[in-house]
Amino acid sequence: MKNMFQTFKLYALAILVILNARLFNYMARFGLVLGANTLTNIIPTLYEALDIVSRELVGFIPAVSRDSSGARAALNETINIPVVPAVAAADITPGVTAPNTGDQVIGNQTMTIQKSRMVPVRWSGEETRGVMNSGLFPSVNAQRFQQAMRTLVNEVEADLGALFAQASRAYGSAGTIPFGTAGDLSDNAQVLKILQDNGAPQIDLHAVLGTSSIANIRGKQSVLYKVNESGSSDLLRRGIIGDLQGAMVHTSAAVQRPAVGTGASYTTTAAGFAVGTTSIPIITGTGTVLAGDVVTFAGDTNKYVVSTGVAAPGTIVLAEPGLRQAIPASATAMTIVAISAKDMYFDRSAIALVTRAPAMPEGGDQADDVIEIVDPLSGLAFQIAMYRQYRQVHYEVGLAWGVKAVTPRHIALLIG
């Protein structure tokens, strides 16, 4: 009987705790909590905003390899990411004991926290009271945090999109939007061929396309939206493409359309260059060749991405694996491909994104409260700090991150 009474007390206490938490969350959401002004009071608002923003991550962020946590990191701090090397096979030789083999030296790729950014959200007493009187404070407050998180997410997307300059090769024609020919998916197939030629793993491929390319797929590739041919109504009903010939398709507003170099009339030297060469001396011409420019050489249909450019005649460096076709021992014309959008195809492990919470001094700063919220869908960890000031409250939504093309040869471009 005594045990039953103790059990009943525990259940009653648990119910009271749950009811109290729900009441507290309701009061916090509608600005009714009295007492200490800490971030605990607005956690429901923060998670409501986070839930909306996380569903806008439809481009590079969900496609790349991510290392995200709530741990703190400083600007320019180095983060080590483990990389398991390839291992050789061995002959099976029967014996009394098992072979003393299998040890490996696990290497690492170093990444740098390149940005530590925050977006402020401030409320004065007059602003808070005015919005609360209208009954719109919960939604307005949530939308302000939503916009702050969206701003940081968009910056991360843009940094990932800028990695087009480290791709290996390209396919397509400047000025011609990909997938424009009805029933023809050659654009997709040819870029995937580049990745296959370069040895990219085929089990986790991704394509991040701009809105123009996506529009052509949705509007002209009936083989994908006719249910009887594709076997799915996802594209027709919901606009979801999903896997396309082995690559998961995403769309992003961060797909780049950069300016190109002004270089003209350049030729190679007459030395001749073998397959696989990356350093190509160019002469006679004028103007710049920029990193990220796509170039062609006379007699070679391949389109190469420049990893190191020049401002005048000199030596450009092509991205690995270099030339696919030898350049003969004669002056060979080089042409810079015109301005074009840079849709990106890659193996997930080819691009890495690391995110951390921005660094704080030991013991903290003047913030009254600091919390980290990890988005369960994207893994991005946002730091929320609150600073109480004279008749106003200042919030900061912060994020620190870095991006890197870990394996450039496993990245290819579709231009148009």
Protein backbone atom coordinates (compact mmCIF):
# COMPACT_ATOMS: atom_id res chain seq x y z
CA MET A 1 0.00 0.00 0.00
CA LYS A 2 2.85 2.33 0.86
CA ASN A 3 4.53 1.59 -2.49
CA MET A 4 1.27 2.32 -4.32
CA PHE A 5 1.00 5.65 -2.49
CA GLN A 6 4.59 6.55 -3.43
CA THR A 7 3.90 5.63 -7.06
CA PHE A 8 0.76 7.77 -7.06
CA LYS A 9 2.75 10.71 -5.64
CA LEU A 10 5.37 10.34 -8.39
CA TYR A 11 2.70 10.27 -11.12
CA ALA A 12 0.97 13.30 -9.63
CA LEU A 13 4.27 15.19 -9.43
CA ALA A 14 5.10 14.32 -13.04
CA ILE A 15 1.68 15.56 -14.19
CA LEU A 16 2.15 18.81 -12.27
CA VAL A 17 5.59 19.32 -13.83
CA ILE A 18 4.20 18.74 -17.35
CA LEU A 19 1.25 21.08 -16.76
CA ASN A 20 3.54 23.72 -15.31
CA ALA A 21 5.91 23.45 -18.29
CA ARG A 22 3.04 23.75 -20.77
CA LEU A 23 1.57 26.73 -18.90
CA PHE A 24 5.00 28.36 -18.78
CA ASN A 25 5.52 27.81 -22.52
CA TYR A 26 2.08 29.27 -23.26
CA MET A 27 2.79 32.33 -21.12
CA ALA A 28 6.23 32.74 -22.66
CA ARG A 29 4.84 32.51 -26.15
CA PHE A 30 2.35 35.30 -25.50
CA GLY A 31 4.68 37.52 -23.51
CA LEU A 32 2.98 36.84 -20.16
CA VAL A 33 5.95 35.52 -18.15
CA LEU A 34 6.98 37.70 -15.25
CA GLY A 35 10.28 37.76 -13.42
CA ALA A 36 13.78 37.26 -14.82
CA ASN A 37 14.01 38.05 -18.53
CA THR A 38 15.97 35.06 -19.79
CA LEU A 39 16.00 33.13 -23.03
CA THR A 40 14.05 30.29 -21.45
CA ASN A 41 10.98 32.48 -21.86
CA ILE A 42 11.26 32.62 -25.67
CA ILE A 43 12.41 29.08 -26.48
CA PRO A 44 8.99 28.23 -28.02
CA THR A 45 9.35 31.24 -30.32
CA LEU A 46 12.89 30.25 -31.29
CA TYR A 47 11.90 26.71 -32.16
CA GLU A 48 8.89 27.91 -34.13
CA ALA A 49 11.17 30.12 -36.22
CA LEU A 50 13.78 27.38 -36.57
CA ASP A 51 11.16 24.95 -37.79
CA ILE A 52 10.18 27.29 -40.64
CA VAL A 53 13.71 28.18 -41.71
CA SER A 54 14.94 24.58 -41.69
CA ARG A 55 12.46 23.73 -44.43
CA GLU A 56 13.99 26.37 -46.65
CA LEU A 57 17.34 24.52 -46.74
CA VAL A 58 16.81 23.02 -50.17
CA GLY A 59 20.16 23.62 -51.84
CA PHE A 60 23.77 23.05 -50.94
CA ILE A 61 23.46 22.63 -47.16
CA PRO A 62 21.57 19.32 -47.23
CA ALA A 63 23.71 18.02 -50.12
CA VAL A 64 27.23 18.40 -48.71
CA SER A 65 29.11 16.59 -45.96
CA ARG A 66 28.37 18.41 -42.70
CA ASP A 67 30.15 18.53 -39.35
CA SER A 68 27.84 20.59 -37.15
CA SER A 69 27.69 20.87 -33.40
CA GLY A 70 26.94 23.30 -30.61
CA ALA A 71 30.61 23.40 -29.57
CA ARG A 72 32.20 26.85 -29.74
CA ALA A 73 34.86 27.83 -32.26
CA ALA A 74 36.73 31.06 -32.89
CA LEU A 75 37.22 32.84 -36.21
CA ASN A 76 40.18 31.32 -38.13
CA GLU A 77 40.27 28.32 -35.78
CA THR A 78 41.32 25.05 -37.43
CA ILE A 79 38.98 22.06 -37.31
CA ASN A 80 40.34 18.58 -38.13
CA ILE A 81 38.06 16.18 -39.99
CA PRO A 82 39.15 12.49 -39.97
CA VAL A 83 39.82 10.93 -43.38
CA VAL A 84 40.25 7.16 -43.71
CA PRO A 85 42.85 6.28 -46.37
CA ALA A 86 42.57 3.57 -49.00
CA VAL A 87 43.76 0.12 -47.96
CA ALA A 88 45.41 -2.64 -50.01
CA ALA A 89 44.19 -6.23 -50.23
CA ALA A 90 46.43 -9.14 -49.25
CA ASP A 91 46.61 -12.80 -50.11
CA ILE A 92 45.05 -15.28 -47.71
CA THR A 93 47.76 -17.52 -46.26
CA PRO A 94 46.70 -20.26 -43.80
CA GLY A 95 48.67 -20.28 -40.58
CA VAL A 96 48.60 -21.04 -36.87
CA THR A 97 47.83 -17.45 -35.91
CA ALA A 98 45.90 -14.65 -37.57
CA PRO A 99 47.96 -12.14 -39.59
CA ASN A 100 49.28 -9.18 -37.65
CA THR A 101 47.96 -6.68 -40.20
CA GLY A 102 45.18 -4.14 -40.62
CA ASP A 103 46.68 -1.10 -38.92
CA GLN A 104 46.00 2.23 -40.62
CA VAL A 105 47.11 5.80 -40.11
CA ILE A 106 43.91 7.81 -40.07
CA GLY A 107 44.63 11.15 -41.68
CA ASN A 108 42.63 14.32 -41.55
CA GLN A 109 41.51 17.25 -43.61
CA THR A 110 41.89 20.61 -41.92
CA MET A 111 39.15 23.19 -42.21
CA THR A 112 39.11 26.76 -41.02
CA ILE A 113 36.26 28.66 -39.42
CA GLN A 114 36.12 31.37 -42.07
CA LYS A 115 33.18 33.36 -40.77
CA SER A 116 31.66 34.13 -37.39
CA ARG A 117 28.50 36.13 -37.94
CA MET A 118 25.46 37.32 -36.04
CA VAL A 119 22.14 38.97 -36.83
CA PRO A 120 20.69 41.31 -34.15
CA VAL A 121 17.08 41.33 -32.97
CA ARG A 122 16.18 44.19 -30.61
CA TRP A 123 12.96 45.08 -28.82
CA SER A 124 12.35 48.26 -26.83
CA GLY A 125 9.65 48.50 -24.21
CA GLU A 126 7.51 50.75 -26.41
CA GLU A 127 7.82 48.42 -29.40
CA THR A 128 6.97 45.37 -27.35
CA ARG A 129 3.91 46.98 -25.74
CA GLY A 130 2.66 48.37 -29.04
CA VAL A 131 2.87 45.01 -30.80
CA MET A 132 1.41 43.14 -27.82
CA ASN A 133 -1.59 45.48 -27.81
CA SER A 134 -2.28 44.46 -31.40
CA GLY A 135 -2.20 40.79 -30.43
CA LEU A 136 0.50 40.06 -33.00
CA PHE A 137 3.57 39.88 -30.76
CA PRO A 138 4.06 36.06 -30.92
CA SER A 139 3.96 35.93 -34.73
CA VAL A 140 6.02 39.10 -35.25
CA ASN A 141 8.66 37.95 -32.76
CA ALA A 142 8.88 34.53 -34.40
CA GLN A 143 9.19 36.11 -37.84
CA ARG A 144 12.05 38.35 -36.70
CA PHE A 145 14.02 35.34 -35.46
CA GLN A 146 13.05 33.48 -38.61
CA GLN A 147 14.51 36.25 -40.76
CA ALA A 148 17.69 36.30 -38.68
CA MET A 149 18.22 32.56 -39.13
CA ARG A 150 17.35 32.79 -42.82
CA THR A 151 20.02 35.47 -43.30
CA LEU A 152 22.73 33.23 -41.85
CA VAL A 153 21.53 30.20 -43.80
CA ASN A 154 21.63 32.18 -47.04
CA GLU A 155 25.21 33.26 -46.35
CA VAL A 156 26.25 29.64 -45.80
CA GLU A 157 24.50 28.66 -49.05
CA ALA A 158 26.31 31.41 -50.95
CA ASP A 159 29.71 30.31 -49.62
CA LEU A 160 29.04 26.75 -50.73
CA GLY A 161 27.90 27.92 -54.16
CA ALA A 162 31.16 29.87 -54.56
CA LEU A 163 33.07 26.58 -54.53
CA PHE A 164 32.22 26.20 -58.23
CA ALA A 165 35.65 27.78 -58.81
CA GLN A 166 37.29 24.58 -57.53
CA ALA A 167 35.43 22.15 -59.79
CA SER A 168 37.30 19.84 -62.17
CA ARG A 169 35.60 20.20 -65.54
CA ALA A 170 32.37 21.50 -67.07
CA TYR A 171 29.77 20.55 -69.63
CA GLY A 172 27.21 22.66 -71.50
CA SER A 173 27.05 25.83 -73.57
CA ALA A 174 27.08 29.39 -72.25
CA GLY A 175 23.77 31.09 -72.97
CA THR A 176 21.88 27.80 -73.43
CA ILE A 177 19.84 26.80 -70.40
CA PRO A 178 20.31 23.08 -69.63
CA PHE A 179 17.52 20.56 -70.21
CA GLY A 180 15.96 22.75 -72.89
CA THR A 181 15.41 19.91 -75.38
CA ALA A 182 12.26 17.94 -74.63
CA GLY A 183 12.89 14.32 -73.71
CA ASP A 184 16.67 14.78 -73.66
CA LEU A 185 18.54 14.26 -70.39
CA SER A 186 21.99 14.31 -71.99
CA ASP A 187 23.03 17.35 -69.95
CA ASN A 188 22.62 15.36 -66.76
CA ALA A 189 24.26 12.25 -68.20
CA GLN A 190 27.31 14.10 -69.53
CA VAL A 191 28.08 15.82 -66.22
CA LEU A 192 27.72 12.52 -64.39
CA LYS A 193 30.16 11.08 -66.93
CA ILE A 194 32.75 13.67 -65.82
CA LEU A 195 32.39 12.47 -62.23
CA GLN A 196 32.65 8.84 -63.33
CA ASP A 197 35.75 9.58 -65.40
CA ASN A 198 37.30 11.26 -62.36
CA GLY A 199 36.60 8.29 -60.09
CA ALA A 200 33.94 9.86 -57.89
CA PRO A 201 31.95 7.40 -55.74
CA GLN A 202 28.56 6.75 -57.31
CA ILE A 203 26.52 5.99 -54.20
CA ASP A 204 25.87 9.53 -52.90
CA LEU A 205 25.85 11.95 -55.84
CA HIS A 206 24.08 15.30 -55.72
CA ALA A 207 23.15 17.97 -58.25
CA VAL A 208 22.41 21.53 -57.13
CA LEU A 209 20.68 23.36 -59.96
CA GLY A 210 19.57 26.94 -60.46
CA THR A 211 15.93 27.83 -60.97
CA SER A 212 16.27 28.09 -64.77
CA SER A 213 17.54 24.53 -65.11
CA ILE A 214 14.88 23.26 -62.72
CA ALA A 215 12.17 25.08 -64.71
CA ASN A 216 13.24 23.29 -67.89
CA ILE A 217 13.16 19.91 -66.16
CA ARG A 218 9.67 20.57 -64.80
CA GLY A 219 8.34 22.04 -68.01
CA LYS A 220 10.02 20.08 -70.81
CA GLN A 221 11.09 16.68 -69.51
CA SER A 222 7.77 14.87 -69.72
CA VAL A 223 9.47 11.54 -69.13
CA LEU A 224 9.89 12.69 -65.52
CA TYR A 225 6.43 14.09 -64.84
CA LYS A 226 4.31 11.59 -66.77
CA VAL A 227 3.32 9.14 -64.07
CA ASN A 228 3.04 6.20 -66.45
CA GLU A 229 6.65 6.74 -67.58
CA SER A 230 8.37 7.92 -64.40
CA GLY A 231 6.45 5.69 -62.01
CA SER A 232 5.89 8.60 -59.60
CA SER A 233 3.66 11.66 -59.38
CA ASP A 234 6.08 13.60 -57.15
CA LEU A 235 7.29 15.96 -59.90
CA LEU A 236 3.81 16.51 -61.35
CA ARG A 237 2.03 17.02 -58.02
CA ARG A 238 4.67 18.46 -55.72
CA GLY A 239 7.53 19.58 -57.98
CA ILE A 240 9.95 17.10 -56.38
CA ILE A 241 12.47 15.59 -58.79
CA GLY A 242 14.40 13.36 -56.40
CA ASP A 243 16.98 11.03 -57.94
CA LEU A 244 17.84 11.64 -61.59
CA GLN A 245 20.09 9.01 -63.14
CA GLY A 246 21.78 8.41 -59.79
CA ALA A 247 22.08 12.02 -58.57
CA MET A 248 19.77 13.57 -55.97
CA VAL A 249 18.54 16.86 -57.42
CA HIS A 250 18.34 20.03 -55.30
CA THR A 251 17.68 23.65 -56.21
CA SER A 252 19.25 26.75 -54.72
CA ALA A 253 19.21 30.49 -55.30
CA ALA A 254 22.93 30.43 -54.44
CA VAL A 255 23.95 28.88 -57.79
CA GLN A 256 26.52 31.37 -59.10
CA ARG A 257 26.60 33.32 -62.38
CA PRO A 258 29.99 35.05 -62.00
CA ALA A 259 31.85 37.45 -64.24
CA VAL A 260 34.66 35.95 -66.31
CA GLY A 261 38.16 37.10 -67.17
CA THR A 262 38.88 39.55 -69.97
CA GLY A 263 41.60 37.39 -71.54
CA ALA A 264 41.65 37.24 -75.34
CA SER A 265 43.93 35.88 -78.10
CA TYR A 266 45.89 33.67 -75.70
CA THR A 267 47.74 30.62 -77.01
CA THR A 268 49.80 27.97 -75.31
CA THR A 269 53.51 27.70 -75.81
CA ALA A 270 54.76 25.26 -78.45
CA ALA A 271 56.15 22.85 -75.86
CA GLY A 272 53.25 20.39 -76.05
CA PHE A 273 51.44 19.08 -72.97
CA ALA A 274 50.55 15.51 -72.05
CA VAL A 275 47.30 14.15 -70.69
CA GLY A 276 47.02 14.98 -66.97
CA THR A 277 49.06 18.20 -67.16
CA THR A 278 47.65 20.99 -64.97
CA SER A 279 50.15 23.85 -65.44
CA ILE A 280 49.73 25.45 -68.87
CA PRO A 281 51.85 28.47 -69.92
CA ILE A 282 49.90 30.92 -72.10
CA ILE A 283 51.41 33.67 -74.24
CA THR A 284 50.71 36.38 -76.86
CA GLY A 285 47.28 37.38 -75.52
CA THR A 286 46.09 40.09 -73.15
CA GLY A 287 43.68 40.39 -70.23
CA THR A 288 42.88 38.35 -67.18
CA VAL A 289 42.10 34.69 -66.68
CA LEU A 290 40.28 34.24 -63.37
CA ALA A 291 40.10 31.31 -60.97
CA GLY A 292 36.82 29.60 -61.77
CA ASP A 293 36.87 30.51 -65.45
CA VAL A 294 35.96 27.69 -67.82
CA VAL A 295 38.39 27.43 -70.74
CA THR A 296 38.78 25.35 -73.89
CA PHE A 297 41.75 24.59 -76.14
CA ALA A 298 41.54 24.32 -79.91
CA GLY A 299 40.95 20.74 -81.05
CA ASP A 300 39.73 19.61 -77.59
CA THR A 301 36.00 19.49 -76.79
CA ASN A 302 36.62 19.24 -73.03
CA LYS A 303 35.88 22.29 -70.88
CA TYR A 304 38.42 22.83 -68.07
CA VAL A 305 38.05 24.86 -64.88
CA VAL A 306 40.93 27.17 -63.98
CA SER A 307 42.05 26.87 -60.36
CA THR A 308 44.79 29.54 -60.57
CA GLY A 309 44.51 32.37 -63.08
CA VAL A 310 46.76 35.14 -64.37
CA ALA A 311 46.49 38.90 -64.93
CA ALA A 312 48.77 38.82 -67.99
CA PRO A 313 50.65 36.18 -70.02
CA GLY A 314 51.91 33.52 -67.61
CA THR A 315 51.03 30.05 -66.37
CA ILE A 316 47.47 29.06 -65.53
CA VAL A 317 46.72 26.01 -63.41
CA LEU A 318 43.85 23.72 -64.35
CA ALA A 319 41.90 21.84 -61.72
CA GLU A 320 42.73 18.17 -61.25
CA PRO A 321 42.84 15.77 -62.99
CA GLY A 322 44.11 18.15 -65.66
CA LEU A 323 44.09 17.69 -69.42
CA ARG A 324 41.97 14.87 -70.83
CA GLN A 325 43.51 15.31 -74.27
CA ALA A 326 47.12 16.17 -75.05
CA ILE A 327 47.91 19.62 -76.46
CA PRO A 328 50.21 19.30 -79.51
CA ALA A 329 53.66 20.85 -79.69
CA SER A 330 52.45 24.02 -81.35
CA ALA A 331 50.79 27.26 -80.30
CA THR A 332 47.22 26.24 -79.46
CA ALA A 333 44.46 28.80 -78.98
CA MET A 334 42.76 29.04 -75.58
CA THR A 335 39.25 30.48 -75.21
CA ILE A 336 37.42 31.62 -72.08
CA VAL A 337 33.79 30.46 -72.01
CA ALA A 338 31.34 33.36 -71.69
CA ILE A 339 29.36 34.21 -68.55
CA SER A 340 27.09 31.36 -67.54
CA ALA A 341 25.27 29.87 -64.56
CA LYS A 342 27.29 27.26 -62.68
CA ASP A 343 25.07 24.34 -61.68
CA MET A 344 27.12 21.93 -59.56
CA TYR A 345 27.32 18.15 -59.45
CA PHE A 346 29.38 16.39 -56.79
CA ASP A 347 29.82 13.44 -54.50
CA ARG A 348 28.67 14.40 -51.01
CA SER A 349 32.12 13.87 -49.49
CA ALA A 350 33.73 16.20 -52.06
CA ILE A 351 32.46 19.33 -50.26
CA ALA A 352 32.56 19.84 -46.51
CA LEU A 353 30.71 22.29 -44.30
CA VAL A 354 31.64 22.75 -40.65
CA THR A 355 29.48 24.85 -38.33
CA ARG A 356 29.98 25.80 -34.71
CA ALA A 357 28.59 28.23 -32.18
CA PRO A 358 30.58 31.50 -32.11
CA ALA A 359 33.30 31.70 -29.47
CA MET A 360 32.68 33.29 -26.06
CA PRO A 361 35.36 34.45 -23.59
CA GLU A 362 36.04 32.22 -20.61
CA GLY A 363 33.36 32.95 -18.05
CA GLY A 364 31.10 34.58 -20.64
CA ASP A 365 30.56 38.19 -21.64
CA GLN A 366 27.81 40.64 -20.68
CA ALA A 367 25.07 38.40 -22.03
CA ASP A 368 22.33 37.68 -19.50
CA ASP A 369 21.69 34.32 -21.09
CA VAL A 370 23.12 32.24 -23.96
CA ILE A 371 21.67 29.07 -25.43
CA GLU A 372 22.42 26.90 -28.46
CA ILE A 373 19.64 25.46 -30.58
CA VAL A 374 20.53 22.60 -32.93
CA ASP A 375 18.20 22.25 -35.87
CA PRO A 376 17.31 18.53 -36.06
CA LEU A 377 16.83 18.59 -39.85
CA SER A 378 19.97 20.36 -41.05
CA GLY A 379 22.23 19.96 -38.02
CA LEU A 380 23.03 23.69 -38.00
CA ALA A 381 23.62 24.97 -34.47
CA PHE A 382 22.50 28.54 -33.85
CA GLN A 383 23.68 30.47 -30.80
CA ILE A 384 21.12 32.81 -29.25
CA ALA A 385 22.41 35.45 -26.81
CA MET A 386 20.35 37.99 -24.87
CA TYR A 387 21.63 41.33 -23.55
CA ARG A 388 19.33 43.35 -21.26
CA GLN A 389 19.86 47.06 -21.75
CA TYR A 390 18.17 50.26 -20.63
CA ARG A 391 14.49 49.80 -21.48
CA GLN A 392 15.28 47.43 -24.31
CA VAL A 393 16.45 43.88 -24.92
CA HIS A 394 19.05 43.00 -27.58
CA TYR A 395 19.22 39.45 -28.97
CA GLU A 396 21.88 37.99 -31.23
CA VAL A 397 21.43 34.97 -33.50
CA GLY A 398 24.95 33.75 -34.26
CA LEU A 399 26.69 31.07 -36.31
CA ALA A 400 30.34 30.28 -37.14
CA TRP A 401 31.20 28.20 -40.19
CA GLY A 402 33.71 27.20 -42.83
CA VAL A 403 33.45 25.49 -46.21
CA LYS A 404 35.96 23.54 -48.29
CA ALA A 405 36.19 21.60 -51.54
CA VAL A 406 37.84 18.51 -50.06
CA THR A 407 38.09 16.58 -53.35
CA PRO A 408 37.86 19.02 -56.29
CA ARG A 409 38.14 16.26 -58.90
CA HIS A 410 34.78 14.95 -57.64
CA ILE A 411 33.03 18.24 -58.48
CA ALA A 412 31.77 19.08 -61.98
CA LEU A 413 29.80 21.96 -63.49
CA LEU A 414 26.81 22.17 -65.79
CA ILE A 415 26.95 25.58 -67.44
CA GLY A 416 24.22 27.44 -69.28
